[in-house]
Amino acid sequence: MLARRKAAASSDCDLIFHRMDCMPLDKDTVSDQFKRLVKRIEAPHLSLRSLRHTHATWLMEQGTPLRVIMKRMGHGSITTTANVYVHATEQVGAEAAEKLGERSGKLRHESGTNGQGNTPDE
């Protein structure tokens, strides 16, 4: 039995939730155990689906290529991934615009201009 555990531990199962022999755990078993854990640690309502969504969103916000996210999520189409996680790119775009605005303001202040090439007194 110990030899089987070592073999399973060293194998590449391609599954997050699996038995020692790399066979998948029943989804209800995983879900029930996760619900018990969330309750025990007194976390706000979480689901495995919400963790999956959060993971993909974080990847997108970090600039991970959409095709990589598609493969990790198991989507059959890049369009599905884009449609589901497009809000992440919108957030990243808004944050980029805000940072650019902040940087632009710093440059104007440092150069002593009003943003139009003129000093404030002109």
Protein backbone atom coordinates (compact mmCIF):
# COMPACT_ATOMS: atom_id res chain seq x y z
CA MET A 1 0.00 0.00 0.00
CA LEU A 2 2.82 2.41 0.85
CA ALA A 3 4.43 1.76 -2.54
CA ARG A 4 1.12 2.60 -4.26
CA ARG A 5 0.84 5.86 -2.29
CA LYS A 6 4.37 6.88 -3.25
CA ALA A 7 3.66 6.07 -6.89
CA ALA A 8 0.42 8.07 -6.85
CA ALA A 9 2.08 10.96 -5.03
CA SER A 10 4.85 11.14 -7.61
CA SER A 11 2.58 10.73 -10.62
CA ASP A 12 1.16 13.59 -12.60
CA CYS A 13 -2.58 13.13 -12.21
CA ASP A 14 -3.84 16.18 -14.18
CA LEU A 15 -6.58 16.51 -11.57
CA ILE A 16 -6.88 18.76 -8.55
CA PHE A 17 -9.20 16.44 -6.62
CA HIS A 18 -8.27 12.81 -7.05
CA ARG A 19 -7.86 9.58 -5.17
CA MET A 20 -4.46 8.07 -4.51
CA ASP A 21 -4.79 6.05 -7.72
CA CYS A 22 -5.40 9.27 -9.69
CA MET A 23 -9.05 8.48 -10.27
CA PRO A 24 -11.30 11.55 -9.85
CA LEU A 25 -13.17 12.12 -6.63
CA ASP A 26 -16.95 12.34 -6.89
CA LYS A 27 -17.94 16.01 -7.37
CA ASP A 28 -20.51 15.83 -4.57
CA THR A 29 -17.86 14.54 -2.16
CA VAL A 30 -15.54 17.42 -3.02
CA SER A 31 -18.35 19.97 -2.84
CA ASP A 32 -19.61 18.69 0.52
CA GLN A 33 -16.10 18.70 2.02
CA PHE A 34 -15.50 22.21 0.73
CA LYS A 35 -18.80 23.45 2.22
CA ARG A 36 -17.85 21.96 5.60
CA LEU A 37 -14.46 23.67 5.45
CA VAL A 38 -16.00 27.05 4.59
CA LYS A 39 -18.43 26.70 7.49
CA ARG A 40 -15.71 25.59 9.90
CA ILE A 41 -13.48 28.58 9.16
CA GLU A 42 -16.52 30.89 9.23
CA ALA A 43 -15.75 32.33 5.82
CA PRO A 44 -18.37 34.19 3.85
CA HIS A 45 -20.25 32.09 1.33
CA LEU A 46 -17.76 30.58 -1.06
CA SER A 47 -18.19 27.92 -3.68
CA LEU A 48 -15.72 25.97 -5.75
CA ARG A 49 -17.19 27.71 -8.79
CA SER A 50 -16.46 31.13 -7.29
CA LEU A 51 -12.85 30.07 -6.63
CA ARG A 52 -12.54 28.89 -10.23
CA HIS A 53 -13.91 32.21 -11.47
CA THR A 54 -11.61 34.18 -9.17
CA HIS A 55 -8.60 32.19 -10.37
CA ALA A 56 -9.36 32.90 -14.02
CA THR A 57 -10.05 36.57 -13.32
CA TRP A 58 -6.76 36.98 -11.48
CA LEU A 59 -4.92 35.33 -14.37
CA MET A 60 -6.59 37.73 -16.78
CA GLU A 61 -5.78 40.76 -14.62
CA GLN A 62 -2.12 39.69 -14.56
CA GLY A 63 -2.02 39.69 -18.35
CA THR A 64 -2.06 35.91 -18.87
CA PRO A 65 -2.85 35.18 -22.52
CA LEU A 66 -6.49 34.31 -23.11
CA ARG A 67 -5.56 31.03 -24.79
CA VAL A 68 -3.69 29.89 -21.65
CA ILE A 69 -6.70 30.75 -19.48
CA MET A 70 -9.00 28.94 -21.92
CA LYS A 71 -6.93 25.77 -21.60
CA ARG A 72 -6.75 25.99 -17.79
CA MET A 73 -10.51 26.46 -17.56
CA GLY A 74 -11.19 23.63 -20.00
CA HIS A 75 -13.23 25.83 -22.31
CA GLY A 76 -13.74 24.51 -25.83
CA SER A 77 -13.59 27.98 -27.34
CA ILE A 78 -11.60 31.11 -26.68
CA THR A 79 -14.85 33.01 -27.28
CA THR A 80 -16.39 31.37 -24.21
CA THR A 81 -13.43 32.43 -22.08
CA ALA A 82 -13.53 35.98 -23.44
CA ASN A 83 -17.28 36.30 -22.85
CA VAL A 84 -17.09 34.99 -19.30
CA TYR A 85 -14.05 37.01 -18.18
CA VAL A 86 -14.29 40.18 -20.28
CA HIS A 87 -15.09 42.24 -17.17
CA ALA A 88 -11.54 41.57 -15.98
CA THR A 89 -10.07 43.22 -19.06
CA GLU A 90 -12.40 46.18 -18.58
CA GLN A 91 -11.14 46.57 -15.01
CA VAL A 92 -7.52 46.32 -16.14
CA GLY A 93 -8.21 48.94 -18.81
CA ALA A 94 -9.78 51.30 -16.27
CA GLU A 95 -6.84 50.83 -13.90
CA ALA A 96 -4.37 51.46 -16.72
CA ALA A 97 -6.17 54.68 -17.67
CA GLU A 98 -6.13 55.79 -14.03
CA LYS A 99 -2.41 55.10 -13.70
CA LEU A 100 -1.73 56.97 -16.94
CA GLY A 101 -3.71 59.92 -15.62
CA GLU A 102 -1.77 59.88 -12.36
CA ARG A 103 1.52 59.71 -14.24
CA SER A 104 0.46 62.48 -16.58
CA GLY A 105 -0.39 64.69 -13.60
CA LYS A 106 3.01 64.03 -12.04
CA LEU A 107 4.76 64.91 -15.30
CA ARG A 108 2.83 68.18 -15.60
CA HIS A 109 3.64 69.07 -12.00
CA GLU A 110 7.34 68.19 -12.38
CA SER A 111 7.68 70.14 -15.63
CA GLY A 112 5.83 73.15 -14.28
CA THR A 113 3.37 73.18 -17.19
CA ASN A 114 -0.38 73.05 -17.28
CA GLY A 115 -0.44 70.08 -19.64
CA GLN A 116 -0.60 72.28 -22.75
CA GLY A 117 3.07 73.22 -22.80
CA ASN A 118 2.42 76.50 -21.01
CA THR A 119 3.40 77.48 -17.53
CA PRO A 120 0.42 78.17 -15.25
CA ASP A 121 1.07 81.96 -15.45
CA GLU A 122 0.84 82.13 -19.26
